[in-house]
Structure formats: C-alpha cells, structure tokens
Protein backbone atom coordinates (compact mmCIF):
# COMPACT_ATOMS: atom_id res chain seq x y z
CA MET A 1 -1.71 45.62 -56.17
CA ALA A 2 1.32 47.90 -56.60
CA MET A 3 4.80 46.41 -56.49
CA GLU A 4 7.44 47.88 -54.21
CA ILE A 5 9.95 49.10 -56.79
CA LYS A 6 13.54 49.82 -55.85
CA PRO A 7 15.64 52.29 -57.86
CA VAL A 8 18.37 49.77 -58.79
CA TYR A 9 18.44 45.99 -59.25
CA LEU A 10 21.02 43.43 -60.24
CA PHE A 11 19.80 40.07 -61.58
CA TYR A 12 22.57 37.56 -62.17
CA GLY A 13 23.15 33.84 -62.52
CA GLU A 14 23.06 30.85 -64.84
CA GLU A 15 19.29 30.35 -64.94
CA THR A 16 18.42 32.68 -67.78
CA TYR A 17 14.81 31.45 -67.93
CA LEU A 18 14.06 32.72 -64.42
CA ILE A 19 15.79 36.04 -65.12
CA ALA A 20 13.71 36.43 -68.29
CA ARG A 21 10.56 35.56 -66.34
CA ASP A 22 11.16 38.28 -63.75
CA LEU A 23 12.08 40.84 -66.40
CA LYS A 24 8.78 40.04 -68.10
CA ILE A 25 6.97 40.77 -64.81
CA PHE A 26 8.74 44.15 -64.58
CA ARG A 27 7.91 45.01 -68.20
CA GLN A 28 4.25 44.11 -67.71
CA TYR A 29 4.02 46.14 -64.51
CA PHE A 30 5.46 49.29 -66.07
CA SER A 31 3.48 48.83 -69.31
CA GLN A 32 0.22 48.62 -67.38
CA ARG A 33 1.09 51.95 -65.74
CA ASP A 34 1.82 53.52 -69.16
CA CYS A 35 5.45 54.08 -68.18
CA GLU A 36 8.43 54.33 -70.48
CA ILE A 37 10.59 51.23 -70.95
CA GLU A 38 14.11 51.57 -72.34
CA GLU A 39 16.53 48.71 -72.97
CA PHE A 40 20.31 48.73 -73.37
CA ASP A 41 22.88 46.07 -74.23
CA ALA A 42 26.20 46.67 -72.45
CA VAL A 43 28.01 44.96 -75.31
CA LYS A 44 26.91 47.73 -77.69
CA ASP A 45 25.90 50.63 -75.46
CA SER A 46 28.23 52.63 -73.24
CA LEU A 47 27.72 52.90 -69.50
CA ALA A 48 27.88 56.68 -69.87
CA ASP A 49 24.81 56.62 -72.12
CA ILE A 50 23.03 54.21 -69.76
CA LEU A 51 23.63 56.31 -66.64
CA THR A 52 22.75 59.52 -68.50
CA ALA A 53 19.40 57.97 -69.45
CA ALA A 54 18.87 56.80 -65.86
CA SER A 55 19.64 60.27 -64.49
CA MET A 56 17.05 61.98 -66.70
CA ASP A 57 13.52 62.33 -65.36
CA PRO A 58 10.85 60.56 -67.43
CA LEU A 59 8.56 62.64 -69.62
CA PHE A 60 5.33 63.96 -68.08
CA GLY A 61 6.52 63.00 -64.60
CA SER A 62 5.88 59.28 -65.03
CA GLU A 63 8.19 56.47 -63.94
CA ARG A 64 10.57 54.67 -66.26
CA LEU A 65 12.09 51.20 -66.47
CA ILE A 66 15.61 50.77 -67.84
CA ILE A 67 16.94 47.25 -68.44
CA VAL A 68 20.64 46.67 -69.12
CA SER A 69 21.66 43.23 -70.42
CA ASN A 70 25.14 41.62 -70.57
CA SER A 71 26.52 43.79 -67.76
CA PRO A 72 30.29 43.19 -67.30
CA TRP A 73 30.84 45.32 -64.20
CA PHE A 74 29.93 42.83 -61.47
CA ALA A 75 32.10 39.80 -62.22
CA PRO A 76 34.84 38.89 -59.70
CA SER A 77 38.14 40.67 -60.19
CA LYS A 78 40.61 38.29 -61.85
CA GLY A 79 42.75 36.39 -59.41
CA GLN A 80 40.94 37.74 -56.38
CA SER A 81 38.06 35.26 -55.94
CA GLY A 82 35.50 38.03 -55.85
CA THR A 83 37.42 40.65 -53.83
CA ASP A 84 37.51 44.25 -54.96
CA LYS A 85 41.31 44.49 -55.01
CA THR A 86 43.58 45.08 -57.99
CA ASN A 87 45.53 41.95 -58.98
CA LYS A 88 49.25 41.91 -59.80
CA THR A 89 48.75 42.47 -63.52
CA GLY A 90 46.45 45.42 -62.88
CA GLU A 91 42.70 45.44 -63.33
CA ASN A 92 41.21 46.90 -66.48
CA GLU A 93 41.15 50.62 -65.80
CA LYS A 94 38.00 51.18 -67.84
CA ILE A 95 36.06 48.64 -65.76
CA LYS A 96 37.34 50.25 -62.55
CA GLU A 97 36.19 53.69 -63.71
CA GLU A 98 32.81 52.35 -64.78
CA ARG A 99 32.33 50.59 -61.47
CA SER A 100 33.02 53.88 -59.70
CA ALA A 101 30.43 55.55 -61.93
CA ILE A 102 27.80 52.96 -60.93
CA GLU A 103 28.70 53.47 -57.27
CA ASP A 104 28.31 57.24 -57.68
CA TYR A 105 24.90 56.77 -59.28
CA CYS A 106 23.80 54.45 -56.45
CA SER A 107 24.77 57.09 -53.89
CA SER A 108 21.94 59.24 -55.25
CA PRO A 109 19.76 57.26 -57.68
CA ASN A 110 16.88 58.75 -59.64
CA GLU A 111 13.81 57.73 -57.63
CA ASN A 112 11.61 57.99 -60.75
CA VAL A 113 13.65 55.38 -62.61
CA CYS A 114 13.98 51.65 -62.02
CA LEU A 115 17.41 50.59 -63.34
CA VAL A 116 17.82 46.81 -63.75
CA PHE A 117 21.21 45.31 -64.59
CA THR A 118 21.45 41.65 -65.71
CA ALA A 119 24.73 39.73 -65.70
CA PRO A 120 25.91 36.12 -66.03
CA THR A 121 27.87 36.36 -62.79
CA ALA A 122 28.51 38.71 -59.89
CA ALA A 123 30.62 38.89 -56.74
CA ARG A 124 28.70 40.16 -53.74
CA THR A 125 31.98 41.26 -52.14
CA LEU A 126 32.52 43.89 -54.82
CA LYS A 127 31.99 47.46 -53.65
CA THR A 128 29.85 48.06 -56.76
CA VAL A 129 27.50 45.20 -55.91
CA LYS A 130 27.30 46.36 -52.29
CA ALA A 131 26.40 49.83 -53.54
CA ILE A 132 23.41 48.37 -55.41
CA MET A 133 22.41 46.34 -52.36
CA SER A 134 22.38 49.51 -50.25
CA VAL A 135 19.66 51.14 -52.38
CA GLY A 136 18.04 48.23 -54.22
CA LYS A 137 18.13 44.46 -54.55
CA VAL A 138 20.61 41.88 -55.83
CA ARG A 139 19.14 38.53 -56.88
CA GLU A 140 21.05 35.41 -57.85
CA TYR A 141 19.34 32.93 -60.18
CA LYS A 142 20.85 29.48 -59.74
CA LYS A 143 20.02 26.55 -61.97
CA PRO A 144 17.60 24.24 -60.11
CA LYS A 145 19.01 20.93 -58.92
CA GLU A 146 17.58 17.88 -60.68
CA TRP A 147 15.56 16.98 -57.58
CA GLU A 148 14.00 20.48 -57.58
CA LEU A 149 12.73 20.27 -61.17
CA PRO A 150 9.71 17.95 -60.63
CA ALA A 151 7.95 20.29 -58.19
CA TYR A 152 8.56 23.32 -60.41
CA LEU A 153 7.32 21.58 -63.57
CA ARG A 154 4.31 20.04 -61.81
CA GLN A 155 3.28 23.50 -60.57
CA TYR A 156 3.72 24.94 -64.07
CA LEU A 157 1.58 22.20 -65.65
CA ASN A 158 -1.05 22.63 -62.92
CA LYS A 159 -1.36 26.29 -63.94
CA GLY A 160 -2.10 24.97 -67.44
CA ARG A 161 -4.75 22.69 -65.88
CA ARG A 162 -2.79 19.52 -66.53
CA ARG A 163 -1.93 16.78 -64.08
CA ILE A 164 1.13 14.58 -64.48
CA GLY A 165 2.14 11.39 -62.68
CA ALA A 166 5.49 10.94 -60.97
CA ASN A 167 6.82 8.45 -63.53
CA THR A 168 5.68 10.61 -66.44
CA LEU A 169 7.32 13.66 -64.87
CA ASP A 170 10.56 11.71 -64.39
CA LEU A 171 10.40 10.63 -68.04
CA LEU A 172 9.96 14.26 -69.15
CA ILE A 173 13.08 15.32 -67.24
CA THR A 174 15.07 12.27 -68.36
CA ILE A 175 14.58 12.85 -72.07
CA GLY A 176 14.05 16.62 -71.94
CA GLY A 177 17.33 17.39 -70.17
CA ASP A 178 17.95 19.59 -67.14
CA ASP A 179 17.63 23.05 -68.70
CA LEU A 180 14.63 24.72 -67.08
CA GLY A 181 13.84 26.98 -70.02
CA SER A 182 13.81 24.04 -72.44
CA LEU A 183 11.65 21.99 -70.06
CA ILE A 184 9.14 24.84 -69.71
CA ASN A 185 8.98 25.00 -73.51
CA GLU A 186 8.24 21.26 -73.58
CA CYS A 187 5.51 21.76 -70.95
CA ASP A 188 3.90 24.44 -73.13
CA LYS A 189 3.88 22.01 -76.06
CA LEU A 190 2.40 19.27 -73.87
CA ILE A 191 -0.39 21.59 -72.70
CA LEU A 192 -1.28 22.35 -76.33
CA TYR A 193 -0.97 18.72 -77.42
CA THR A 194 -3.22 17.43 -74.62
CA GLU A 195 -6.06 19.91 -75.30
CA GLY A 196 -9.26 18.31 -74.03
CA LYS A 197 -7.40 16.11 -71.54
CA ASP A 198 -6.53 16.81 -67.95
CA THR A 199 -3.63 14.37 -67.57
CA VAL A 200 -0.31 14.14 -69.43
CA SER A 201 0.64 10.53 -70.19
CA GLU A 202 4.02 8.91 -70.79
CA GLN A 203 3.01 8.43 -74.43
CA ASP A 204 2.26 12.16 -74.69
CA VAL A 205 5.79 12.92 -73.48
CA LEU A 206 7.37 10.42 -75.88
CA THR A 207 5.37 11.91 -78.76
CA VAL A 208 5.83 15.59 -78.02
CA VAL A 209 9.19 16.16 -76.38
CA SER A 210 11.82 17.37 -78.86
CA GLN A 211 14.13 14.67 -80.06
CA GLY A 212 17.21 16.70 -79.22
CA ALA A 213 20.59 15.60 -77.91
CA ALA A 214 19.29 14.60 -74.46
CA ALA A 215 16.44 12.54 -75.91
CA ASN A 216 18.73 10.82 -78.44
CA MET A 217 21.27 9.96 -75.75
CA PHE A 218 18.47 8.59 -73.59
CA GLN A 219 17.34 6.35 -76.46
CA LEU A 220 20.93 5.20 -76.98
CA SER A 221 21.38 4.28 -73.31
CA ASP A 222 18.00 2.50 -73.39
CA ALA A 223 19.16 0.44 -76.39
CA LEU A 224 22.40 -0.40 -74.58
CA GLY A 225 20.34 -1.44 -71.57
CA ASN A 226 18.38 -3.82 -73.80
CA ARG A 227 21.63 -4.99 -75.45
CA ASP A 228 20.09 -4.34 -78.85
CA ALA A 229 23.18 -4.03 -81.05
CA ALA A 230 21.21 -3.17 -84.21
CA ILE A 231 19.47 -0.18 -82.60
CA VAL A 232 22.69 0.89 -80.86
CA GLY A 233 24.54 0.95 -84.19
CA GLY A 234 21.85 3.01 -85.91
CA LEU A 235 21.46 5.49 -83.06
CA VAL A 236 25.14 6.14 -82.38
CA GLY A 237 25.77 6.79 -86.07
CA SER A 238 22.83 9.20 -86.25
CA ILE A 239 23.84 11.04 -83.07
CA LEU A 240 27.47 11.45 -84.10
CA GLY A 241 26.33 12.66 -87.52
CA GLU A 242 24.41 15.52 -85.88
CA MET A 243 27.11 16.43 -83.35
CA LYS A 244 30.08 18.75 -83.66
CA PRO A 245 33.46 17.32 -82.55
CA TRP A 246 33.52 19.56 -79.46
CA GLU A 247 30.22 18.01 -78.35
CA TYR A 248 31.55 14.45 -78.31
CA MET A 249 32.61 14.57 -74.68
CA LYS A 250 29.05 15.24 -73.57
CA LEU A 251 27.92 12.02 -75.27
CA PHE A 252 30.95 10.14 -73.93
CA GLY A 253 30.26 11.34 -70.37
CA TYR A 254 26.58 10.45 -70.55
CA ILE A 255 27.19 6.88 -71.70
CA THR A 256 30.10 6.31 -69.31
CA ASN A 257 27.94 7.51 -66.41
CA TYR A 258 25.18 5.19 -67.62
CA PHE A 259 27.42 2.14 -67.17
CA ARG A 260 28.58 3.43 -63.80
CA MET A 261 24.93 3.75 -62.82
CA LEU A 262 24.17 0.17 -63.90
CA LEU A 263 27.15 -1.08 -61.89
CA ARG A 264 25.94 0.79 -58.80
CA ILE A 265 22.36 -0.41 -59.27
CA LYS A 266 23.60 -3.99 -59.57
CA ALA A 267 25.60 -3.70 -56.35
CA LEU A 268 22.73 -2.12 -54.39
CA SER A 269 20.22 -4.64 -55.76
CA ALA A 270 22.51 -7.43 -54.57
CA GLU A 271 22.33 -5.89 -51.10
CA GLY A 272 18.54 -6.13 -51.24
CA CYS A 273 17.76 -2.45 -51.83
CA SER A 274 14.38 -1.62 -53.37
CA GLU A 275 13.88 0.66 -56.37
CA SER A 276 13.00 3.62 -54.17
CA GLN A 277 15.94 2.97 -51.84
CA ILE A 278 18.34 2.87 -54.79
CA ALA A 279 16.95 6.17 -56.12
CA LYS A 280 17.28 7.77 -52.69
CA THR A 281 20.82 6.45 -52.15
CA THR A 282 22.15 7.37 -55.58
CA LYS A 283 20.12 10.61 -55.95
CA ILE A 284 19.51 9.59 -59.58
CA ASN A 285 16.26 10.35 -61.41
CA PRO A 286 13.78 7.63 -60.31
CA TYR A 287 12.72 6.93 -63.89
CA ARG A 288 16.32 6.15 -64.85
CA ILE A 289 16.54 3.80 -61.87
CA LYS A 290 13.29 2.13 -62.96
CA LEU A 291 14.74 1.44 -66.39
CA GLY A 292 18.21 0.71 -65.04
CA ILE A 293 17.21 -2.18 -62.78
CA PRO A 294 16.17 -4.58 -65.58
CA ALA A 295 19.08 -3.32 -67.71
CA SER A 296 21.58 -4.10 -64.96
CA LYS A 297 20.31 -7.70 -64.91
CA LYS A 298 21.29 -8.15 -68.57
CA TYR A 299 24.94 -7.55 -67.71
CA THR A 300 27.22 -9.36 -65.31
CA THR A 301 29.34 -7.28 -62.96
CA GLU A 302 32.39 -8.29 -64.99
CA GLU A 303 30.75 -7.13 -68.23
CA LEU A 304 29.95 -3.70 -66.74
CA ILE A 305 33.54 -3.33 -65.53
CA GLU A 306 34.73 -4.30 -69.02
CA ALA A 307 32.34 -1.71 -70.52
CA LEU A 308 33.95 0.99 -68.38
CA ARG A 309 37.40 -0.25 -69.41
CA LEU A 310 36.42 0.08 -73.07
CA MET A 311 35.15 3.61 -72.44
CA ALA A 312 38.47 4.51 -70.78
CA GLU A 313 40.28 3.08 -73.80
CA VAL A 314 38.20 5.22 -76.18
CA ASP A 315 39.01 8.28 -74.06
CA TYR A 316 42.74 7.51 -74.09
CA LYS A 317 42.86 6.89 -77.85
CA MET A 318 41.01 10.12 -78.53
CA LYS A 319 43.15 12.29 -76.24
CA SER A 320 46.41 10.72 -77.41
CA GLY A 321 45.44 11.16 -81.06
CA GLN A 322 45.70 7.43 -81.79
CA GLU A 323 42.13 7.13 -83.05
CA ASP A 324 39.22 9.39 -83.89
CA PHE A 325 36.35 9.33 -81.38
CA ALA A 326 33.75 8.93 -84.13
CA GLN A 327 35.47 5.69 -85.12
CA SER A 328 36.40 4.10 -81.78
CA PHE A 329 33.26 5.02 -79.80
CA PRO A 330 30.73 3.16 -82.03
CA VAL A 331 33.00 0.08 -82.15
CA ALA A 332 33.19 0.01 -78.35
CA LEU A 333 29.41 0.38 -77.95
CA MET A 334 28.74 -2.43 -80.43
CA ALA A 335 31.13 -4.68 -78.50
CA ILE A 336 29.38 -3.80 -75.23
CA ALA A 337 25.86 -4.37 -76.60
CA ALA A 338 26.87 -7.77 -77.97
CA SER A 339 28.02 -10.61 -75.75
CA PHE A 340 31.69 -10.23 -74.81
C-alpha cells in the first residue's frame, strides 16, 4: 500500500529512537520503489547545497528522499520563548537568512522530492516551522513517560513472539533505565536469549540486561534496602570507579530519591495502603514499590530522616568544596546501611 508522501517534513524531539524508527520506514519505502536517497548533515553541509539538491528533479523522473540531520533552523529564537522576533542582542543573521530560504522553498516545493529535516527542538510559532506545516507535516517525538513504557515494550516483545509478566516488565524498566532506545535494545537481546521459549522470566532479565549505570544503581539501592553494609561498600566503590565526576549527581539523586521513596512508603503503609494503592498514589514503578515495602520495614522513620540528613550533608560538603563526593558519599552510605 502506497504511503501518502508530503514534500517537506520536520521531525523533532528528545526521543531519538522513534525518530530513527520513522526515518527507517521512509528509507525502506523509497528503497523498495528504487528511488534515490540522499542524506545531509547540517553541521557539515550548507543549507544552500541542501536546497539546491532538493530543487533538482531526480534522474529518470523518479522520486527522491532527502534527509537532513542536526537541523539548527527551527529552535526557538533566544529570549523569545519560541516567537519569531529578533531579541535585543540581535538574532544571528545567517540563521535568519537560512530560515527565509527554507520558507521560500516551502512556498513552491519540488513535488518529486521528499525533504525531511530532523532537529533536537523546534518552536511551532516560528514562521519557518509554519511554512513546513502548510505544505507538509511537523512531528514532535517526546520521550515516553515511565507509565507509558510497559505497554510499548510489551507490544514490541509480542511482535518477537515473547510474553512478559507485569512484574518482569517492571523489573526490566527498573534496571534498564527509562531510555526507550536502550530498552528496545535490551528487548532484542531478550528475544535472542529466550529462543525456544515464549515467556521472558525475571531471571532472564537479570541475566541479560546490561549492567550499566541504571542497573548498578538499582543493585546499590537494593543492598541499602537490605542494610547489607558489605555489599553496599563493594558496589559504591565499583560504581564511583566507573563514573566521571560530572556523573556523580545522577547517582546522588537516585539514592536520595530512594530514601525519600522509602519514607513515603512507610507513611502510606502506616495508613493501611496496599502495595497497589501505594504505587498508584506515588506513581512509582510497581516493582520498586514491591521491593521498597520490605526495605522500609528495616528502617525506622527516624533512621530514614537521618539518612536524608546525611545525604544533604554530603551535598553541602561537595558544593562548598569541604570534601570530595567520592570520599563523603561512601562513608554516608555505610553509616546508613549499618545501625545508627
């Protein structure tokens, strides 16, 4: 079945996996029709060359696909929150001229060419973006919310003829992180690993999923939940050894939020809330709630408050330059895992 192809498209947004997926569909469609495919990178290639190529008719009267990556022309004007007005310091004249060139092209696009721009961000209020919308399509690709991931991954695994239970799916997201492209990659590995089986188990996930930063942090929080000081000490040293200093705050935030979660679980449990009610109220991954309930029972409310105080102290020492994070953070975690 033939696709309805517009002369100009703009794909933009944070979810690069979905953009890459749709570009793959376009490439396959044009390849199957023996059409030319040309790709440009706006970082290296000039807009003049791109629009010249788009204006030329394809050889032998066929259609042509042109893909332009890293497009800088659609981002909001600085200081204007997406408006198309010149700010006080003056907008980059080159960008303004190039935007006008795109608008001119859109006023009379080559109907034999499909021109697809991709960009990390775009402002729909820009005249240039509106020009594309008038003759083609503008699509935003937002990162899925955590609660949207299970349905997407379940559908993907079903296409690979694999079933997955709710708890196993929650485990996959918990240790695999929230990047859709990375999670899809893990699903591909799970499909290969479970050849001959129709169901993915929790053990399959634990065996296959990459032991990256998210998985290591999950293991560290699990060890803290069990108050296993020996494992905590080994894990935090290993994680810090693999991290760059600018990545420390991600680890700090994850562990601090873990103690906040335990404190909230403890309070809701005291009110008589069930596991499912806590997950619904907090909007936290159900698997984390499942593991967090027994962990919260190993700490008193006072101990969890003290844990958060110690985390705040680590943050203060680091930002004030009093102590290096790689030194103070492990000491604080060891104190928390042990009995105060």
